[in-house]
Amino acid sequence: MMRLLSQFKSNQNIDEFLSSMDQDKIDLLMKYIYRGFEQPQEISCSTLLTWHEKVYTYGKAGSIMRVLTDRKRV
């Protein structure tokens, strides 16, 4: 999943990708982003921060809260 995130080169491509996702998929993507922060050797933190910013615009704070309180891990 981390390799897939690093393949997106522009913010416009990220926005197009995220606009087609429902809330559950946004939350799942946020889980993978936080997982990437735990293991930054696979992908750069700057890439993850870019994704986090974009996903946050679609999922808002509720997405972060759902991810942090969910017991299921990815």
PDB file of N, CA and C in Angstrom:
ATOM      1  N   MET A   1       0.823  -1.195   0.000  1.00  0.00           N
ATOM      2  CA  MET A   1       0.000   0.000   0.000  1.00  0.00           C
ATOM      3  C   MET A   1       0.867   1.260   0.000  1.00  0.00           C
ATOM      4  N   MET A   2       1.971   1.226   0.729  1.00  0.00           N
ATOM      5  CA  MET A   2       2.845   2.392   0.787  1.00  0.00           C
ATOM      6  C   MET A   2       3.447   2.709  -0.582  1.00  0.00           C
ATOM      7  N   ARG A   3       3.780   1.677  -1.327  1.00  0.00           N
ATOM      8  CA  ARG A   3       4.311   1.910  -2.676  1.00  0.00           C
ATOM      9  C   ARG A   3       3.270   2.578  -3.562  1.00  0.00           C
ATOM     10  N   LEU A   4       2.021   2.185  -3.395  1.00  0.00           N
ATOM     11  CA  LEU A   4       0.945   2.799  -4.172  1.00  0.00           C
ATOM     12  C   LEU A   4       0.830   4.287  -3.850  1.00  0.00           C
ATOM     13  N   LEU A   5       0.894   4.632  -2.583  1.00  0.00           N
ATOM     14  CA  LEU A   5       0.793   6.037  -2.193  1.00  0.00           C
ATOM     15  C   LEU A   5       1.941   6.860  -2.771  1.00  0.00           C
ATOM     16  N   SER A   6       3.112   6.274  -2.829  1.00  0.00           N
ATOM     17  CA  SER A   6       4.268   7.018  -3.338  1.00  0.00           C
ATOM     18  C   SER A   6       4.231   7.183  -4.860  1.00  0.00           C
ATOM     19  N   GLN A   7       3.379   6.451  -5.549  1.00  0.00           N
ATOM     20  CA  GLN A   7       3.283   6.531  -7.012  1.00  0.00           C
ATOM     21  C   GLN A   7       2.560   7.794  -7.484  1.00  0.00           C
ATOM     22  N   PHE A   8       1.715   8.373  -6.644  1.00  0.00           N
ATOM     23  CA  PHE A   8       0.974   9.576  -7.028  1.00  0.00           C
ATOM     24  C   PHE A   8       1.926  10.760  -7.012  1.00  0.00           C
ATOM     25  N   LYS A   9       2.005  11.473  -8.128  1.00  0.00           N
ATOM     26  CA  LYS A   9       2.990  12.540  -8.267  1.00  0.00           C
ATOM     27  C   LYS A   9       2.424  13.940  -8.046  1.00  0.00           C
ATOM     28  N   SER A  10       1.149  14.136  -8.264  1.00  0.00           N
ATOM     29  CA  SER A  10       0.615  15.492  -8.113  1.00  0.00           C
ATOM     30  C   SER A  10      -0.582  15.497  -7.169  1.00  0.00           C
ATOM     31  N   ASN A  11      -0.822  16.656  -6.581  1.00  0.00           N
ATOM     32  CA  ASN A  11      -1.958  16.799  -5.678  1.00  0.00           C
ATOM     33  C   ASN A  11      -3.279  16.626  -6.415  1.00  0.00           C
ATOM     34  N   GLN A  12      -3.315  16.995  -7.683  1.00  0.00           N
ATOM     35  CA  GLN A  12      -4.543  16.832  -8.460  1.00  0.00           C
ATOM     36  C   GLN A  12      -4.890  15.355  -8.601  1.00  0.00           C
ATOM     37  N   ASN A  13      -3.897  14.519  -8.839  1.00  0.00           N
ATOM     38  CA  ASN A  13      -4.143  13.079  -8.939  1.00  0.00           C
ATOM     39  C   ASN A  13      -4.663  12.523  -7.623  1.00  0.00           C
ATOM     40  N   ILE A  14      -4.123  13.006  -6.521  1.00  0.00           N
ATOM     41  CA  ILE A  14      -4.581  12.553  -5.207  1.00  0.00           C
ATOM     42  C   ILE A  14      -6.032  12.961  -5.001  1.00  0.00           C
ATOM     43  N   ASP A  15      -6.365  14.204  -5.338  1.00  0.00           N
ATOM     44  CA  ASP A  15      -7.744  14.677  -5.185  1.00  0.00           C
ATOM     45  C   ASP A  15      -8.720  13.863  -6.029  1.00  0.00           C
ATOM     46  N   GLU A  16      -8.337  13.557  -7.257  1.00  0.00           N
ATOM     47  CA  GLU A  16      -9.201  12.749  -8.123  1.00  0.00           C
ATOM     48  C   GLU A  16      -9.417  11.365  -7.528  1.00  0.00           C
ATOM     49  N   PHE A  17      -8.366  10.785  -6.988  1.00  0.00           N
ATOM     50  CA  PHE A  17      -8.454   9.462  -6.376  1.00  0.00           C
ATOM     51  C   PHE A  17      -9.369   9.495  -5.155  1.00  0.00           C
ATOM     52  N   LEU A  18      -9.193  10.489  -4.296  1.00  0.00           N
ATOM     53  CA  LEU A  18      -9.972  10.564  -3.059  1.00  0.00           C
ATOM     54  C   LEU A  18     -11.435  10.909  -3.301  1.00  0.00           C
ATOM     55  N   SER A  19     -11.719  11.662  -4.331  1.00  0.00           N
ATOM     56  CA  SER A  19     -13.105  12.061  -4.586  1.00  0.00           C
ATOM     57  C   SER A  19     -13.995  10.879  -4.949  1.00  0.00           C
ATOM     58  N   SER A  20     -13.388   9.782  -5.368  1.00  0.00           N
ATOM     59  CA  SER A  20     -14.175   8.606  -5.737  1.00  0.00           C
ATOM     60  C   SER A  20     -14.374   7.641  -4.570  1.00  0.00           C
ATOM     61  N   MET A  21     -13.859   7.981  -3.391  1.00  0.00           N
ATOM     62  CA  MET A  21     -13.909   7.060  -2.253  1.00  0.00           C
ATOM     63  C   MET A  21     -15.032   7.431  -1.292  1.00  0.00           C
ATOM     64  N   ASP A  22     -15.636   6.393  -0.666  1.00  0.00           N
ATOM     65  CA  ASP A  22     -16.623   6.648   0.373  1.00  0.00           C
ATOM     66  C   ASP A  22     -15.913   6.797   1.726  1.00  0.00           C
ATOM     67  N   GLN A  23     -16.683   7.102   2.772  1.00  0.00           N
ATOM     68  CA  GLN A  23     -16.098   7.400   4.085  1.00  0.00           C
ATOM     69  C   GLN A  23     -15.337   6.215   4.674  1.00  0.00           C
ATOM     70  N   ASP A  24     -15.834   5.006   4.491  1.00  0.00           N
ATOM     71  CA  ASP A  24     -15.140   3.831   5.026  1.00  0.00           C
ATOM     72  C   ASP A  24     -13.770   3.652   4.382  1.00  0.00           C
ATOM     73  N   LYS A  25     -13.696   3.893   3.099  1.00  0.00           N
ATOM     74  CA  LYS A  25     -12.410   3.763   2.404  1.00  0.00           C
ATOM     75  C   LYS A  25     -11.452   4.888   2.799  1.00  0.00           C
ATOM     76  N   ILE A  26     -11.984   6.072   3.030  1.00  0.00           N
ATOM     77  CA  ILE A  26     -11.160   7.187   3.507  1.00  0.00           C
ATOM     78  C   ILE A  26     -10.552   6.823   4.859  1.00  0.00           C
ATOM     79  N   ASP A  27     -11.372   6.264   5.750  1.00  0.00           N
ATOM     80  CA  ASP A  27     -10.877   5.861   7.071  1.00  0.00           C
ATOM     81  C   ASP A  27      -9.813   4.777   6.950  1.00  0.00           C
ATOM     82  N   LEU A  28     -10.026   3.821   6.074  1.00  0.00           N
ATOM     83  CA  LEU A  28      -9.043   2.756   5.879  1.00  0.00           C
ATOM     84  C   LEU A  28      -7.729   3.324   5.345  1.00  0.00           C
ATOM     85  N   LEU A  29      -7.821   4.249   4.421  1.00  0.00           N
ATOM     86  CA  LEU A  29      -6.616   4.882   3.894  1.00  0.00           C
ATOM     87  C   LEU A  29      -5.880   5.639   4.996  1.00  0.00           C
ATOM     88  N   MET A  30      -6.633   6.304   5.872  1.00  0.00           N
ATOM     89  CA  MET A  30      -6.010   7.016   6.991  1.00  0.00           C
ATOM     90  C   MET A  30      -5.285   6.031   7.908  1.00  0.00           C
ATOM     91  N   LYS A  31      -5.841   4.839   8.087  1.00  0.00           N
ATOM     92  CA  LYS A  31      -5.157   3.808   8.884  1.00  0.00           C
ATOM     93  C   LYS A  31      -3.814   3.452   8.272  1.00  0.00           C
ATOM     94  N   TYR A  32      -3.792   3.297   6.967  1.00  0.00           N
ATOM     95  CA  TYR A  32      -2.536   2.967   6.294  1.00  0.00           C
ATOM     96  C   TYR A  32      -1.528   4.112   6.393  1.00  0.00           C
ATOM     97  N   ILE A  33      -2.010   5.328   6.359  1.00  0.00           N
ATOM     98  CA  ILE A  33      -1.106   6.470   6.496  1.00  0.00           C
ATOM     99  C   ILE A  33      -0.463   6.466   7.876  1.00  0.00           C
ATOM    100  N   TYR A  34      -1.262   6.243   8.915  1.00  0.00           N
ATOM    101  CA  TYR A  34      -0.694   6.186  10.266  1.00  0.00           C
ATOM    102  C   TYR A  34       0.249   4.998  10.417  1.00  0.00           C
ATOM    103  N   ARG A  35      -0.072   3.906   9.778  1.00  0.00           N
ATOM    104  CA  ARG A  35       0.833   2.752   9.784  1.00  0.00           C
ATOM    105  C   ARG A  35       2.160   3.114   9.115  1.00  0.00           C
ATOM    106  N   GLY A  36       2.091   3.886   8.051  1.00  0.00           N
ATOM    107  CA  GLY A  36       3.300   4.340   7.377  1.00  0.00           C
ATOM    108  C   GLY A  36       4.153   5.236   8.257  1.00  0.00           C
ATOM    109  N   PHE A  37       3.507   6.052   9.099  1.00  0.00           N
ATOM    110  CA  PHE A  37       4.268   6.880  10.038  1.00  0.00           C
ATOM    111  C   PHE A  37       5.020   6.017  11.050  1.00  0.00           C
ATOM    112  N   GLU A  38       4.468   4.851  11.367  1.00  0.00           N
ATOM    113  CA  GLU A  38       5.139   3.945  12.303  1.00  0.00           C
ATOM    114  C   GLU A  38       6.361   3.296  11.672  1.00  0.00           C
ATOM    115  N   GLN A  39       6.342   3.124  10.352  1.00  0.00           N
ATOM    116  CA  GLN A  39       7.439   2.468   9.632  1.00  0.00           C
ATOM    117  C   GLN A  39       7.870   3.354   8.461  1.00  0.00           C
ATOM    118  N   PRO A  40       8.571   4.460   8.734  1.00  0.00           N
ATOM    119  CA  PRO A  40       8.858   5.433   7.671  1.00  0.00           C
ATOM    120  C   PRO A  40       9.906   4.994   6.652  1.00  0.00           C
ATOM    121  N   GLN A  41      10.517   3.849   6.808  1.00  0.00           N
ATOM    122  CA  GLN A  41      11.550   3.443   5.856  1.00  0.00           C
ATOM    123  C   GLN A  41      10.966   3.073   4.494  1.00  0.00           C
ATOM    124  N   GLU A  42       9.710   2.674   4.428  1.00  0.00           N
ATOM    125  CA  GLU A  42       9.109   2.283   3.154  1.00  0.00           C
ATOM    126  C   GLU A  42       8.740   3.487   2.286  1.00  0.00           C
ATOM    127  N   ILE A  43       8.403   4.594   2.901  1.00  0.00           N
ATOM    128  CA  ILE A  43       7.936   5.779   2.179  1.00  0.00           C
ATOM    129  C   ILE A  43       8.353   7.006   2.987  1.00  0.00           C
ATOM    130  N   SER A  44       8.622   8.100   2.319  1.00  0.00           N
ATOM    131  CA  SER A  44       9.088   9.290   3.033  1.00  0.00           C
ATOM    132  C   SER A  44       7.955   9.925   3.832  1.00  0.00           C
ATOM    133  N   CYS A  45       8.320  10.529   4.935  1.00  0.00           N
ATOM    134  CA  CYS A  45       7.324  11.180   5.782  1.00  0.00           C
ATOM    135  C   CYS A  45       6.671  12.363   5.072  1.00  0.00           C
ATOM    136  N   SER A  46       7.403  13.032   4.195  1.00  0.00           N
ATOM    137  CA  SER A  46       6.803  14.162   3.477  1.00  0.00           C
ATOM    138  C   SER A  46       5.669  13.692   2.568  1.00  0.00           C
ATOM    139  N   THR A  47       5.835  12.533   1.962  1.00  0.00           N
ATOM    140  CA  THR A  47       4.767  11.965   1.135  1.00  0.00           C
ATOM    141  C   THR A  47       3.568  11.612   2.000  1.00  0.00           C
ATOM    142  N   LEU A  48       3.819  11.019   3.151  1.00  0.00           N
ATOM    143  CA  LEU A  48       2.726  10.665   4.061  1.00  0.00           C
ATOM    144  C   LEU A  48       2.011  11.913   4.576  1.00  0.00           C
ATOM    145  N   LEU A  49       2.759  12.966   4.862  1.00  0.00           N
ATOM    146  CA  LEU A  49       2.134  14.205   5.321  1.00  0.00           C
ATOM    147  C   LEU A  49       1.266  14.828   4.228  1.00  0.00           C
ATOM    148  N   THR A  50       1.699  14.739   2.993  1.00  0.00           N
ATOM    149  CA  THR A  50       0.885  15.228   1.876  1.00  0.00           C
ATOM    150  C   THR A  50      -0.416  14.451   1.795  1.00  0.00           C
ATOM    151  N   TRP A  51      -0.311  13.122   1.875  1.00  0.00           N
ATOM    152  CA  TRP A  51      -1.508  12.282   1.842  1.00  0.00           C
ATOM    153  C   TRP A  51      -2.404  12.574   3.040  1.00  0.00           C
ATOM    154  N   HIS A  52      -1.806  12.740   4.222  1.00  0.00           N
ATOM    155  CA  HIS A  52      -2.594  13.006   5.429  1.00  0.00           C
ATOM    156  C   HIS A  52      -3.389  14.300   5.270  1.00  0.00           C
ATOM    157  N   GLU A  53      -2.751  15.321   4.740  1.00  0.00           N
ATOM    158  CA  GLU A  53      -3.433  16.597   4.523  1.00  0.00           C
ATOM    159  C   GLU A  53      -4.624  16.428   3.583  1.00  0.00           C
ATOM    160  N   LYS A  54      -4.419  15.705   2.490  1.00  0.00           N
ATOM    161  CA  LYS A  54      -5.489  15.518   1.509  1.00  0.00           C
ATOM    162  C   LYS A  54      -6.621  14.650   2.062  1.00  0.00           C
ATOM    163  N   VAL A  55      -6.264  13.572   2.744  1.00  0.00           N
ATOM    164  CA  VAL A  55      -7.287  12.683   3.301  1.00  0.00           C
ATOM    165  C   VAL A  55      -8.070  13.414   4.386  1.00  0.00           C
ATOM    166  N   TYR A  56      -7.392  14.244   5.160  1.00  0.00           N
ATOM    167  CA  TYR A  56      -8.069  15.017   6.199  1.00  0.00           C
ATOM    168  C   TYR A  56      -9.128  15.943   5.603  1.00  0.00           C
ATOM    169  N   THR A  57      -8.861  16.519   4.437  1.00  0.00           N
ATOM    170  CA  THR A  57      -9.848  17.412   3.827  1.00  0.00           C
ATOM    171  C   THR A  57     -11.127  16.667   3.460  1.00  0.00           C
ATOM    172  N   TYR A  58     -11.025  15.387   3.205  1.00  0.00           N
ATOM    173  CA  TYR A  58     -12.208  14.586   2.872  1.00  0.00           C
ATOM    174  C   TYR A  58     -12.832  13.936   4.103  1.00  0.00           C
ATOM    175  N   GLY A  59     -12.018  13.504   5.055  1.00  0.00           N
ATOM    176  CA  GLY A  59     -12.536  12.773   6.202  1.00  0.00           C
ATOM    177  C   GLY A  59     -12.733  13.593   7.450  1.00  0.00           C
ATOM    178  N   LYS A  60     -12.111  14.767   7.495  1.00  0.00           N
ATOM    179  CA  LYS A  60     -12.172  15.683   8.640  1.00  0.00           C
ATOM    180  C   LYS A  60     -11.655  15.003   9.910  1.00  0.00           C
ATOM    181  N   ALA A  61     -11.902  15.642  11.043  1.00  0.00           N
ATOM    182  CA  ALA A  61     -11.400  15.132  12.321  1.00  0.00           C
ATOM    183  C   ALA A  61     -12.076  13.813  12.696  1.00  0.00           C
ATOM    184  N   GLY A  62     -13.281  13.597  12.215  1.00  0.00           N
ATOM    185  CA  GLY A  62     -13.986  12.353  12.515  1.00  0.00           C
ATOM    186  C   GLY A  62     -13.238  11.135  12.018  1.00  0.00           C
ATOM    187  N   SER A  63     -12.615  11.260  10.878  1.00  0.00           N
ATOM    188  CA  SER A  63     -11.841  10.151  10.325  1.00  0.00           C
ATOM    189  C   SER A  63     -10.659   9.821  11.229  1.00  0.00           C
ATOM    190  N   ILE A  64      -9.977  10.851  11.705  1.00  0.00           N
ATOM    191  CA  ILE A  64      -8.840  10.624  12.601  1.00  0.00           C
ATOM    192  C   ILE A  64      -9.304   9.962  13.887  1.00  0.00           C
ATOM    193  N   MET A  65     -10.409  10.434  14.442  1.00  0.00           N
ATOM    194  CA  MET A  65     -10.926   9.851  15.688  1.00  0.00           C
ATOM    195  C   MET A  65     -11.332   8.394  15.490  1.00  0.00           C
ATOM    196  N   ARG A  66     -11.977   8.089  14.376  1.00  0.00           N
ATOM    197  CA  ARG A  66     -12.377   6.704  14.119  1.00  0.00           C
ATOM    198  C   ARG A  66     -11.160   5.801  13.976  1.00  0.00           C
ATOM    199  N   VAL A  67     -10.123   6.294  13.323  1.00  0.00           N
ATOM    200  CA  VAL A  67      -8.913   5.495  13.126  1.00  0.00           C
ATOM    201  C   VAL A  67      -8.204   5.259  14.452  1.00  0.00           C
ATOM    202  N   LEU A  68      -8.071   6.302  15.257  1.00  0.00           N
ATOM    203  CA  LEU A  68      -7.334   6.175  16.510  1.00  0.00           C
ATOM    204  C   LEU A  68      -8.076   5.353  17.558  1.00  0.00           C
ATOM    205  N   THR A  69      -9.401   5.307  17.481  1.00  0.00           N
ATOM    206  CA  THR A  69     -10.157   4.539  18.471  1.00  0.00           C
ATOM    207  C   THR A  69     -10.525   3.135  17.996  1.00  0.00           C
ATOM    208  N   ASP A  70     -10.321   2.847  16.726  1.00  0.00           N
ATOM    209  CA  ASP A  70     -10.631   1.517  16.195  1.00  0.00           C
ATOM    210  C   ASP A  70      -9.582   0.519  16.665  1.00  0.00           C
ATOM    211  N   ARG A  71     -10.027  -0.603  17.153  1.00  0.00           N
ATOM    212  CA  ARG A  71      -9.094  -1.619  17.651  1.00  0.00           C
ATOM    213  C   ARG A  71      -8.505  -2.469  16.539  1.00  0.00           C
ATOM    214  N   LYS A  72      -9.148  -2.472  15.393  1.00  0.00           N
ATOM    215  CA  LYS A  72      -8.632  -3.243  14.256  1.00  0.00           C
ATOM    216  C   LYS A  72      -7.464  -2.497  13.640  1.00  0.00           C
ATOM    217  N   ARG A  73      -6.361  -3.185  13.454  1.00  0.00           N
ATOM    218  CA  ARG A  73      -5.155  -2.580  12.892  1.00  0.00           C
ATOM    219  C   ARG A  73      -4.915  -3.114  11.487  1.00  0.00           C
ATOM    220  N   VAL A  74      -4.187  -2.353  10.707  1.00  0.00           N
ATOM    221  CA  VAL A  74      -3.807  -2.811   9.369  1.00  0.00           C
ATOM    222  C   VAL A  74      -2.334  -3.136   9.347  1.00  0.00           C
TER     223      VAL A  74
END
